[in-house]
Amino acid sequence: MKEIKFNKTEKDDQLIVDVELPRRFLQVEPVINFSNSDMIAYLEECDIKLQDYDLSSQTHTQLTSYADKANEPVLQGTWVFTKKQKKVNKSKTRSYNKNKEDSKTGE
């Protein structure tokens, strides 16, 4: 069986994954589909934590090797993930009003 080709590169805070499906030449060859859920499974196999990344762009939502007279197969696609920025917890500053003093009245 033909295999799906992956090319994974990391640049700065981006993860770029290029995917290429094999072309079908005969009708008896199986149809291969590749979607976002397959991408998630692939990244988990590579030990990449998806909670650290956001999907910033993709060329196609689904790749397929299926073709007919009206539709060409979609064999190549690129997924670009951007690393999430670390959130810094800032404490809220409270202004201190010096004019207010605790004074008891009514003696």
N, C-alpha and C. Protein backbone atom coordinates (compact mmCIF):
# COMPACT_ATOMS: atom_id res chain seq x y z
N MET A 1 0.84 -1.19 0.00
CA MET A 1 0.00 0.00 0.00
C MET A 1 0.88 1.25 0.00
N LYS A 2 0.44 2.23 -0.72
CA LYS A 2 1.19 3.48 -0.81
C LYS A 2 1.02 4.26 0.48
N GLU A 3 2.05 5.01 0.83
CA GLU A 3 2.03 5.74 2.09
C GLU A 3 1.85 7.23 1.88
N ILE A 4 1.32 7.87 2.89
CA ILE A 4 1.17 9.32 2.90
C ILE A 4 2.51 9.92 3.27
N LYS A 5 2.92 10.96 2.55
CA LYS A 5 4.20 11.61 2.82
C LYS A 5 3.97 12.84 3.69
N PHE A 6 4.78 12.96 4.74
CA PHE A 6 4.71 14.10 5.65
C PHE A 6 6.04 14.83 5.63
N ASN A 7 5.98 16.15 5.67
CA ASN A 7 7.17 16.97 5.81
C ASN A 7 6.89 17.99 6.90
N LYS A 8 7.51 17.79 8.05
CA LYS A 8 7.25 18.63 9.23
C LYS A 8 8.45 19.53 9.47
N THR A 9 8.22 20.85 9.54
CA THR A 9 9.29 21.79 9.83
C THR A 9 8.83 22.73 10.94
N GLU A 10 9.79 23.13 11.77
CA GLU A 10 9.50 24.08 12.84
C GLU A 10 10.35 25.31 12.64
N LYS A 11 9.70 26.47 12.56
CA LYS A 11 10.39 27.75 12.42
C LYS A 11 9.89 28.68 13.51
N ASP A 12 10.80 29.17 14.30
CA ASP A 12 10.49 30.10 15.39
C ASP A 12 9.31 29.58 16.20
N ASP A 13 8.15 30.23 16.07
CA ASP A 13 6.98 29.82 16.84
C ASP A 13 5.93 29.18 15.95
N GLN A 14 6.34 28.65 14.79
CA GLN A 14 5.40 28.01 13.86
C GLN A 14 5.79 26.56 13.61
N LEU A 15 4.78 25.74 13.44
CA LEU A 15 4.94 24.35 13.04
C LEU A 15 4.23 24.19 11.71
N ILE A 16 4.96 23.81 10.67
CA ILE A 16 4.41 23.69 9.33
C ILE A 16 4.47 22.22 8.92
N VAL A 17 3.32 21.67 8.55
CA VAL A 17 3.25 20.27 8.15
C VAL A 17 2.69 20.20 6.72
N ASP A 18 3.50 19.69 5.80
CA ASP A 18 3.07 19.47 4.42
C ASP A 18 2.69 18.00 4.28
N VAL A 19 1.54 17.75 3.64
CA VAL A 19 1.04 16.39 3.47
C VAL A 19 0.83 16.14 1.98
N GLU A 20 1.26 14.96 1.54
CA GLU A 20 1.05 14.58 0.14
C GLU A 20 0.49 13.16 0.09
N LEU A 21 -0.67 13.00 -0.55
CA LEU A 21 -1.28 11.70 -0.70
C LEU A 21 -0.80 11.06 -2.00
N PRO A 22 -0.74 9.73 -2.05
CA PRO A 22 -0.37 9.07 -3.30
C PRO A 22 -1.52 9.14 -4.31
N ARG A 23 -1.17 9.25 -5.57
CA ARG A 23 -2.17 9.32 -6.64
C ARG A 23 -2.66 7.91 -6.97
N ARG A 24 -3.97 7.79 -7.24
CA ARG A 24 -4.55 6.53 -7.68
C ARG A 24 -4.47 6.46 -9.20
N PHE A 25 -3.98 5.35 -9.70
CA PHE A 25 -3.94 5.16 -11.15
C PHE A 25 -4.99 4.15 -11.61
N LEU A 26 -5.30 3.19 -10.77
CA LEU A 26 -6.28 2.16 -11.10
C LEU A 26 -7.50 2.30 -10.20
N GLN A 27 -8.63 1.90 -10.70
CA GLN A 27 -9.86 2.02 -9.94
C GLN A 27 -9.89 1.08 -8.73
N VAL A 28 -9.12 0.01 -8.79
CA VAL A 28 -9.12 -0.95 -7.68
C VAL A 28 -8.26 -0.48 -6.50
N GLU A 29 -7.46 0.53 -6.71
CA GLU A 29 -6.64 1.07 -5.61
C GLU A 29 -7.56 1.77 -4.61
N PRO A 30 -7.23 1.67 -3.32
CA PRO A 30 -8.11 2.28 -2.31
C PRO A 30 -8.07 3.81 -2.35
N VAL A 31 -9.20 4.40 -1.98
CA VAL A 31 -9.30 5.86 -1.87
C VAL A 31 -8.75 6.25 -0.49
N ILE A 32 -7.88 7.24 -0.46
CA ILE A 32 -7.29 7.71 0.79
C ILE A 32 -7.82 9.11 1.07
N ASN A 33 -8.34 9.30 2.26
CA ASN A 33 -8.80 10.61 2.71
C ASN A 33 -7.94 11.06 3.88
N PHE A 34 -7.72 12.36 3.99
CA PHE A 34 -6.93 12.92 5.09
C PHE A 34 -7.60 14.21 5.52
N SER A 35 -7.92 14.31 6.81
CA SER A 35 -8.62 15.49 7.32
C SER A 35 -7.91 16.02 8.57
N ASN A 36 -8.53 17.01 9.20
CA ASN A 36 -7.95 17.61 10.41
C ASN A 36 -7.80 16.59 11.52
N SER A 37 -8.75 15.67 11.65
CA SER A 37 -8.64 14.66 12.71
C SER A 37 -7.46 13.72 12.46
N ASP A 38 -7.16 13.44 11.19
CA ASP A 38 -5.98 12.64 10.87
C ASP A 38 -4.70 13.42 11.19
N MET A 39 -4.73 14.73 10.99
CA MET A 39 -3.57 15.56 11.33
C MET A 39 -3.33 15.54 12.83
N ILE A 40 -4.40 15.61 13.60
CA ILE A 40 -4.28 15.56 15.06
C ILE A 40 -3.67 14.24 15.49
N ALA A 41 -4.12 13.14 14.90
CA ALA A 41 -3.58 11.83 15.23
C ALA A 41 -2.09 11.74 14.86
N TYR A 42 -1.72 12.30 13.71
CA TYR A 42 -0.31 12.28 13.29
C TYR A 42 0.56 13.07 14.27
N LEU A 43 0.10 14.25 14.69
CA LEU A 43 0.89 15.07 15.60
C LEU A 43 1.02 14.41 16.97
N GLU A 44 -0.02 13.70 17.41
CA GLU A 44 0.07 12.98 18.67
C GLU A 44 1.07 11.83 18.58
N GLU A 45 1.17 11.18 17.41
CA GLU A 45 2.18 10.14 17.21
C GLU A 45 3.59 10.71 17.30
N CYS A 46 3.74 11.97 16.87
CA CYS A 46 5.05 12.63 16.89
C CYS A 46 5.35 13.26 18.24
N ASP A 47 4.51 13.04 19.23
CA ASP A 47 4.66 13.59 20.58
C ASP A 47 4.66 15.11 20.60
N ILE A 48 3.79 15.71 19.81
CA ILE A 48 3.62 17.16 19.81
C ILE A 48 2.34 17.47 20.57
N LYS A 49 2.46 18.35 21.56
CA LYS A 49 1.31 18.70 22.38
C LYS A 49 0.47 19.74 21.65
N LEU A 50 -0.74 19.35 21.26
CA LEU A 50 -1.60 20.24 20.49
C LEU A 50 -2.14 21.39 21.33
N GLN A 51 -2.17 21.24 22.64
CA GLN A 51 -2.67 22.34 23.47
C GLN A 51 -1.72 23.53 23.45
N ASP A 52 -0.48 23.32 22.97
CA ASP A 52 0.49 24.41 22.88
C ASP A 52 0.38 25.18 21.56
N TYR A 53 -0.44 24.70 20.62
CA TYR A 53 -0.51 25.30 19.28
C TYR A 53 -1.95 25.66 18.91
N ASP A 54 -2.07 26.66 18.04
CA ASP A 54 -3.32 27.04 17.40
C ASP A 54 -3.17 26.84 15.91
N LEU A 55 -4.21 26.36 15.25
CA LEU A 55 -4.18 26.21 13.79
C LEU A 55 -4.38 27.59 13.19
N SER A 56 -3.36 28.11 12.50
CA SER A 56 -3.47 29.45 11.94
C SER A 56 -3.92 29.44 10.49
N SER A 57 -3.53 28.41 9.72
CA SER A 57 -4.01 28.33 8.33
C SER A 57 -3.85 26.91 7.80
N GLN A 58 -4.63 26.64 6.77
CA GLN A 58 -4.53 25.36 6.08
C GLN A 58 -4.98 25.57 4.65
N THR A 59 -4.38 24.83 3.72
CA THR A 59 -4.72 25.02 2.31
C THR A 59 -6.06 24.38 1.97
N HIS A 60 -6.33 23.20 2.51
CA HIS A 60 -7.59 22.48 2.29
C HIS A 60 -8.02 21.85 3.60
N THR A 61 -9.33 21.78 3.82
CA THR A 61 -9.80 21.15 5.04
C THR A 61 -9.73 19.64 4.95
N GLN A 62 -9.78 19.10 3.72
CA GLN A 62 -9.69 17.66 3.56
C GLN A 62 -8.97 17.34 2.25
N LEU A 63 -8.09 16.35 2.32
CA LEU A 63 -7.40 15.86 1.14
C LEU A 63 -8.01 14.51 0.76
N THR A 64 -8.06 14.22 -0.53
CA THR A 64 -8.59 12.95 -0.99
C THR A 64 -7.91 12.53 -2.28
N SER A 65 -7.77 11.23 -2.44
CA SER A 65 -7.20 10.71 -3.68
C SER A 65 -8.28 10.32 -4.67
N TYR A 66 -9.54 10.54 -4.28
CA TYR A 66 -10.66 10.21 -5.16
C TYR A 66 -10.77 11.26 -6.27
N ALA A 67 -11.01 10.77 -7.49
CA ALA A 67 -11.21 11.66 -8.62
C ALA A 67 -12.29 11.08 -9.53
N ASP A 68 -13.05 11.97 -10.15
CA ASP A 68 -13.99 11.57 -11.18
C ASP A 68 -13.89 12.57 -12.33
N LYS A 69 -14.81 12.50 -13.27
CA LYS A 69 -14.73 13.37 -14.45
C LYS A 69 -14.87 14.85 -14.08
N ALA A 70 -15.63 15.13 -13.05
CA ALA A 70 -15.88 16.52 -12.68
C ALA A 70 -14.89 17.06 -11.65
N ASN A 71 -14.30 16.19 -10.86
CA ASN A 71 -13.45 16.64 -9.76
C ASN A 71 -12.07 16.00 -9.83
N GLU A 72 -11.06 16.84 -9.72
CA GLU A 72 -9.69 16.36 -9.62
C GLU A 72 -9.39 15.99 -8.17
N PRO A 73 -8.46 15.09 -7.93
CA PRO A 73 -8.11 14.76 -6.54
C PRO A 73 -7.36 15.91 -5.88
N VAL A 74 -7.52 16.04 -4.59
CA VAL A 74 -6.78 17.03 -3.80
C VAL A 74 -5.71 16.24 -3.05
N LEU A 75 -4.50 16.25 -3.58
CA LEU A 75 -3.45 15.38 -3.07
C LEU A 75 -2.46 16.07 -2.14
N GLN A 76 -2.39 17.40 -2.15
CA GLN A 76 -1.41 18.10 -1.33
C GLN A 76 -2.09 19.17 -0.48
N GLY A 77 -1.55 19.34 0.72
CA GLY A 77 -2.06 20.37 1.61
C GLY A 77 -1.01 20.74 2.63
N THR A 78 -1.17 21.94 3.18
CA THR A 78 -0.25 22.45 4.19
C THR A 78 -1.04 22.95 5.39
N TRP A 79 -0.63 22.52 6.57
CA TRP A 79 -1.22 22.99 7.81
C TRP A 79 -0.15 23.80 8.54
N VAL A 80 -0.54 25.00 9.00
CA VAL A 80 0.39 25.87 9.73
C VAL A 80 -0.19 26.09 11.13
N PHE A 81 0.60 25.73 12.12
CA PHE A 81 0.23 25.90 13.52
C PHE A 81 1.13 26.96 14.14
N THR A 82 0.54 27.84 14.95
CA THR A 82 1.29 28.87 15.64
C THR A 82 1.28 28.55 17.13
N LYS A 83 2.46 28.69 17.74
CA LYS A 83 2.58 28.40 19.16
C LYS A 83 1.82 29.45 19.97
N LYS A 84 1.08 28.99 20.96
CA LYS A 84 0.32 29.90 21.81
C LYS A 84 1.27 30.70 22.68
N GLN A 85 0.91 31.94 22.91
CA GLN A 85 1.71 32.80 23.78
C GLN A 85 1.40 32.45 25.23
N LYS A 86 2.42 32.46 26.04
CA LYS A 86 2.24 32.20 27.47
C LYS A 86 1.52 33.37 28.10
N LYS A 87 0.52 33.06 28.89
CA LYS A 87 -0.22 34.12 29.57
C LYS A 87 0.48 34.47 30.87
N VAL A 88 0.65 35.75 31.09
CA VAL A 88 1.28 36.23 32.31
C VAL A 88 0.17 36.75 33.21
N ASN A 89 0.11 36.21 34.41
CA ASN A 89 -0.90 36.65 35.36
C ASN A 89 -0.45 37.94 36.02
N LYS A 90 -1.16 39.00 35.73
CA LYS A 90 -0.86 40.28 36.36
C LYS A 90 -1.82 40.48 37.52
N SER A 91 -1.27 40.91 38.63
CA SER A 91 -2.15 41.21 39.74
C SER A 91 -2.74 42.60 39.54
N LYS A 92 -3.99 42.72 39.89
CA LYS A 92 -4.65 44.01 39.72
C LYS A 92 -4.14 44.96 40.81
N THR A 93 -3.75 46.13 40.39
CA THR A 93 -3.27 47.12 41.36
C THR A 93 -4.46 47.91 41.86
N ARG A 94 -4.45 48.15 43.13
CA ARG A 94 -5.53 48.93 43.74
C ARG A 94 -4.96 50.26 44.19
N SER A 95 -5.68 51.26 43.87
CA SER A 95 -5.21 52.58 44.29
C SER A 95 -5.60 52.79 45.76
N TYR A 96 -4.69 53.40 46.46
CA TYR A 96 -4.91 53.68 47.87
C TYR A 96 -5.30 55.14 48.01
N ASN A 97 -6.43 55.36 48.58
CA ASN A 97 -6.91 56.71 48.74
C ASN A 97 -6.51 57.21 50.13
N LYS A 98 -5.60 58.17 50.18
CA LYS A 98 -5.09 58.66 51.45
C LYS A 98 -6.09 59.58 52.15
N ASN A 99 -7.03 60.12 51.42
CA ASN A 99 -7.97 61.06 52.01
C ASN A 99 -8.98 60.36 52.92
N LYS A 100 -9.22 59.10 52.70
CA LYS A 100 -10.18 58.39 53.53
C LYS A 100 -9.45 57.82 54.74
N GLU A 101 -9.89 58.22 55.89
CA GLU A 101 -9.32 57.69 57.11
C GLU A 101 -10.43 57.09 57.94
N ASP A 102 -10.08 56.10 58.68
CA ASP A 102 -11.08 55.48 59.55
C ASP A 102 -11.27 56.39 60.75
N SER A 103 -12.33 57.10 60.73
CA SER A 103 -12.62 57.97 61.87
C SER A 103 -14.00 57.65 62.40
N LYS A 104 -14.08 57.64 63.69
CA LYS A 104 -15.36 57.35 64.32
C LYS A 104 -16.02 58.66 64.70
N THR A 105 -17.21 58.75 64.36
CA THR A 105 -17.95 59.99 64.67
C THR A 105 -19.08 59.66 65.65
N GLY A 106 -19.55 60.66 66.31
CA GLY A 106 -20.69 60.52 67.20
C GLY A 106 -20.35 60.29 68.65
N GLU A 107 -19.33 60.88 69.19
CA GLU A 107 -19.03 60.74 70.60
C GLU A 107 -19.60 61.85 71.39
